Every structure is written in structure tokens, then in C-alpha cells.
Protein backbone atom coordinates (compact mmCIF):
# COMPACT_ATOMS: atom_id res chain seq x y z
CA GLY A 1 -0.73 21.32 59.71
CA GLU A 2 -1.67 17.95 58.21
CA PRO A 3 -0.09 14.81 59.73
CA LEU A 4 0.50 13.20 56.30
CA ALA A 5 1.41 14.59 52.89
CA VAL A 6 0.77 12.70 49.65
CA VAL A 7 2.91 13.43 46.57
CA PRO A 8 1.88 13.77 43.83
CA THR A 9 -1.63 14.96 44.61
CA ASP A 10 -2.75 14.22 41.04
CA LEU A 11 -1.89 11.05 39.10
CA GLU A 12 -1.61 10.99 35.31
CA VAL A 13 -2.24 7.54 33.85
CA GLY A 14 -1.87 8.54 30.19
CA GLY A 15 -3.88 7.57 27.16
CA VAL A 16 -4.63 3.86 27.30
CA PRO A 17 -7.45 1.66 25.99
CA ASP A 18 -10.61 1.01 28.01
CA GLY A 19 -10.09 -1.81 30.54
CA THR A 20 -6.33 -1.30 30.86
CA VAL A 21 -4.87 -1.55 34.38
CA VAL A 22 -2.18 1.09 34.93
CA GLU A 23 0.24 0.84 37.86
CA THR A 24 1.47 4.09 39.35
CA ALA A 25 2.44 5.23 42.86
CA VAL A 26 2.22 8.01 45.39
CA ARG A 27 4.67 8.79 48.19
CA VAL A 28 3.17 9.29 51.64
CA HIS A 29 5.21 11.46 54.02
CA ASN A 30 4.61 11.13 57.76
CA LEU A 31 5.05 14.60 59.26
CA THR A 32 4.57 13.44 62.84
CA GLY A 33 6.84 11.99 65.51
CA GLU A 34 4.81 8.76 65.70
CA PRO A 35 4.42 5.84 63.26
CA ALA A 36 1.41 6.23 60.97
CA THR A 37 -0.51 3.13 59.92
CA LEU A 38 -2.31 3.43 56.59
CA ALA A 39 -5.05 0.87 57.09
CA TYR A 40 -6.82 1.38 53.78
CA ALA A 41 -7.49 3.86 51.01
CA ASN A 42 -10.88 4.69 49.64
CA GLY A 43 -11.45 6.03 46.16
CA SER A 44 -14.51 7.71 44.71
CA CYS A 45 -14.78 4.79 42.29
CA ALA A 46 -13.96 1.10 42.23
CA CYS A 47 -11.29 1.83 39.59
CA ALA A 48 -8.38 2.16 42.06
CA VAL A 49 -6.79 -0.58 44.17
CA PHE A 50 -4.05 -0.07 46.78
CA PRO A 51 -2.34 -3.49 47.07
CA ASP A 52 0.38 -2.44 49.55
CA LEU A 53 -1.98 -1.57 52.40
CA PRO A 54 -1.92 -1.85 55.34
CA LEU A 55 1.44 -0.11 55.62
CA VAL A 56 3.32 1.62 58.45
CA VAL A 57 5.08 4.89 57.62
CA PRO A 58 7.85 5.63 60.17
CA PRO A 59 7.94 8.90 62.12
CA GLY A 60 9.35 11.66 59.91
CA GLY A 61 9.69 9.12 57.08
CA ALA A 62 8.01 8.31 53.81
CA ALA A 63 6.72 5.25 51.96
CA ASP A 64 5.63 4.57 48.40
CA VAL A 65 2.12 3.21 47.88
CA ARG A 66 1.26 1.53 44.58
CA VAL A 67 -2.01 2.47 42.96
CA LEU A 68 -3.57 0.18 40.35
CA VAL A 69 -6.05 2.12 38.22
CA THR A 70 -8.46 0.37 35.85
CA VAL A 71 -9.26 2.79 33.04
CA SER A 72 -12.88 2.70 31.89
CA GLY A 73 -15.11 4.62 29.56
CA PRO A 74 -14.40 6.78 26.53
CA ALA A 75 -11.07 8.55 26.04
CA GLY A 76 -10.70 11.85 27.86
CA ARG A 77 -9.72 13.34 31.17
CA PHE A 78 -11.46 12.27 34.34
CA ARG A 79 -10.82 12.96 37.98
CA ARG A 80 -11.48 10.77 40.99
CA ASP A 81 -10.68 11.45 44.64
CA GLY A 82 -8.94 9.09 47.05
CA ILE A 83 -8.64 9.15 50.83
CA PHE A 84 -6.10 7.34 53.03
CA ARG A 85 -7.23 6.26 56.50
């Protein structure tokens, strides 16, 4: 019942040194009959940047959104949440 679907829901940036910027992407699917404007994305940290926003996803269509993640801290797994508005 959600108007947008984001794939993948989890991003794997791999094992990289502290301070490395990793570019990855998610695909946003618009499940509605109207254009969807992604005005901005908000992450739970300042480590993610979404340089392609704002972006319009056509009705029933999809668009790729680049995510630039700055890796920080000691090696290991970490999880951060992001929200598209």
C-alpha cells in the first residue's frame, strides 16, 4: 500500500578505509498514477548525500538515485536509516 518502493532496502558499501566516499544507488519505483517528486532524502547521519535530488519519478515508472556514503569509524558493520520526502 506504499506509494513508493525503494530497492534495495539495504546498501552494502564493502570494506573500505575510514574517510572513503563510496558511490552506490537505489532504484525508486513510483507505484501511483501521478508523478512523484523526491524533494530530498534525510539520513540518520551526515554520512550520506543524495546528489540527484530533487528528482521526478514518472507515474508507474522508476528512477535511480545515487547515494554517496562517507565511511567513518572503525571497521565493522553499521546501519543507518534514510527517508525520502
